[in-house]
């Protein structure tokens, strides 16, 4: 979700790369909740940190809360915005949790305009 939100906000002003500590595919609920706000992430893929060249990164934002955060080696500025894993709740609560995380990430993205 963060990748889709950042791409929508920054467009060509930033190179957005995303990875996960355990890539497992783009969650269909993430696709659904971003579609609710007009963002299509159906072409995104789940990627490993190994696919990112540290020299190409200026800012790293980690979003992990209770799960393991990926370790990023490089000289990038690091920010940590802990959000709960939206899949770590009962199935009937997941849609709402995904919306909460989506909205939380979107609310924090303006901070990157000042970096």
Protein backbone atom coordinates (compact mmCIF):
# COMPACT_ATOMS: atom_id res chain seq x y z
CA UNK A 1 0.00 0.00 0.00
CA UNK A 2 2.80 2.41 0.86
CA UNK A 3 4.32 2.08 -2.59
CA UNK A 4 1.02 2.83 -4.31
CA UNK A 5 0.26 5.75 -2.02
CA UNK A 6 3.74 7.24 -2.48
CA UNK A 7 3.66 6.83 -6.26
CA UNK A 8 0.27 8.54 -6.38
CA UNK A 9 1.46 11.42 -4.19
CA UNK A 10 4.93 12.04 -5.62
CA UNK A 11 4.58 10.89 -9.23
CA UNK A 12 7.78 11.55 -11.15
CA UNK A 13 9.22 13.74 -8.35
CA UNK A 14 10.51 10.63 -6.56
CA UNK A 15 11.69 7.14 -7.35
CA UNK A 16 9.58 4.91 -5.13
CA UNK A 17 10.77 1.40 -4.32
CA UNK A 18 9.15 -0.97 -1.89
CA UNK A 19 10.00 -4.29 -0.34
CA UNK A 20 8.86 -6.55 2.44
CA UNK A 21 10.58 -8.57 5.11
CA UNK A 22 8.73 -11.63 3.80
CA UNK A 23 7.36 -10.92 0.31
CA UNK A 24 4.17 -12.88 -0.20
CA UNK A 25 2.29 -11.12 -2.99
CA UNK A 26 0.10 -8.04 -3.02
CA UNK A 27 -2.81 -8.59 -0.69
CA UNK A 28 -6.21 -8.40 -2.44
CA UNK A 29 -7.55 -6.28 0.43
CA UNK A 30 -4.75 -3.75 -0.16
CA UNK A 31 -5.78 -3.60 -3.80
CA UNK A 32 -9.40 -3.08 -2.75
CA UNK A 33 -8.79 -0.29 -0.21
CA UNK A 34 -6.50 1.65 -2.54
CA UNK A 35 -9.04 1.29 -5.36
CA UNK A 36 -11.54 2.94 -2.98
CA UNK A 37 -9.44 6.12 -3.20
CA UNK A 38 -8.67 5.84 -6.91
CA UNK A 39 -5.25 4.18 -6.77
CA UNK A 40 -4.64 1.06 -8.87
CA UNK A 41 -1.91 -1.23 -7.52
CA UNK A 42 -2.85 -4.31 -9.51
CA UNK A 43 0.44 -4.13 -11.44
CA UNK A 44 2.59 -3.94 -8.30
CA UNK A 45 4.48 -6.99 -7.12
CA UNK A 46 5.77 -8.09 -3.76
CA UNK A 47 9.54 -7.71 -3.69
CA UNK A 48 12.49 -8.60 -1.48
CA UNK A 49 15.00 -6.07 -0.18
CA UNK A 50 17.62 -7.89 -2.24
CA UNK A 51 16.12 -6.29 -5.37
CA UNK A 52 17.00 -2.75 -4.25
CA UNK A 53 20.41 -1.16 -4.81
CA UNK A 54 21.29 0.72 -1.58
CA UNK A 55 23.15 3.37 -3.61
CA UNK A 56 19.85 4.32 -5.29
CA UNK A 57 18.09 5.18 -2.02
CA UNK A 58 17.99 8.52 -0.19
CA UNK A 59 15.25 7.82 2.37
CA UNK A 60 14.12 4.51 3.89
CA UNK A 61 10.76 4.40 5.65
CA UNK A 62 10.04 1.25 7.64
CA UNK A 63 6.42 0.55 8.50
CA UNK A 64 6.74 -2.59 10.60
CA UNK A 65 5.37 -2.64 14.12
CA UNK A 66 5.27 -6.10 15.64
CA UNK A 67 6.84 -7.97 12.73
CA UNK A 68 10.52 -8.01 11.78
CA UNK A 69 11.72 -4.91 9.90
CA UNK A 70 14.03 -5.50 6.98
CA UNK A 71 17.60 -4.37 7.52
CA UNK A 72 18.72 -1.89 4.91
CA UNK A 73 22.41 -1.34 4.42
CA UNK A 74 23.20 2.02 2.95
CA UNK A 75 23.63 5.64 3.89
CA UNK A 76 20.01 6.64 3.48
CA UNK A 77 18.05 8.70 5.99
CA UNK A 78 15.92 6.28 7.99
CA UNK A 79 12.41 6.97 9.24
CA UNK A 80 10.25 4.53 11.19
CA UNK A 81 6.48 4.77 11.00
CA UNK A 82 5.19 1.70 12.85
CA UNK A 83 1.83 0.46 11.59
CA UNK A 84 0.22 -2.78 12.71
CA UNK A 85 0.14 -5.63 10.24
CA UNK A 86 -3.40 -5.40 8.85
CA UNK A 87 -3.49 -9.16 8.27
CA UNK A 88 -2.82 -9.87 11.96
CA UNK A 89 -6.44 -9.42 13.01
CA UNK A 90 -9.52 -11.60 12.69
CA UNK A 91 -10.77 -11.87 9.09
CA UNK A 92 -13.88 -9.81 9.81
CA UNK A 93 -11.70 -6.90 11.01
CA UNK A 94 -9.16 -6.90 8.17
CA UNK A 95 -10.92 -4.57 5.75
CA UNK A 96 -11.21 -1.89 8.46
CA UNK A 97 -7.58 -2.40 9.56
CA UNK A 98 -6.34 -2.09 5.98
CA UNK A 99 -8.28 1.19 5.67
CA UNK A 100 -6.77 2.46 8.92
CA UNK A 101 -3.23 1.63 7.81
CA UNK A 102 -3.87 3.14 4.36
CA UNK A 103 -5.11 6.36 5.91
CA UNK A 104 -2.26 6.43 8.43
CA UNK A 105 0.40 6.08 5.75
CA UNK A 106 -1.30 8.70 3.57
CA UNK A 107 -1.34 11.12 6.51
CA UNK A 108 2.42 10.68 7.06
CA UNK A 109 3.54 11.05 3.43
CA UNK A 110 3.55 14.88 3.53
CA UNK A 111 6.49 14.61 5.96
CA UNK A 112 8.59 13.37 3.04
CA UNK A 113 7.97 16.62 1.15
CA UNK A 114 10.12 18.31 3.79
CA UNK A 115 13.04 15.82 3.50
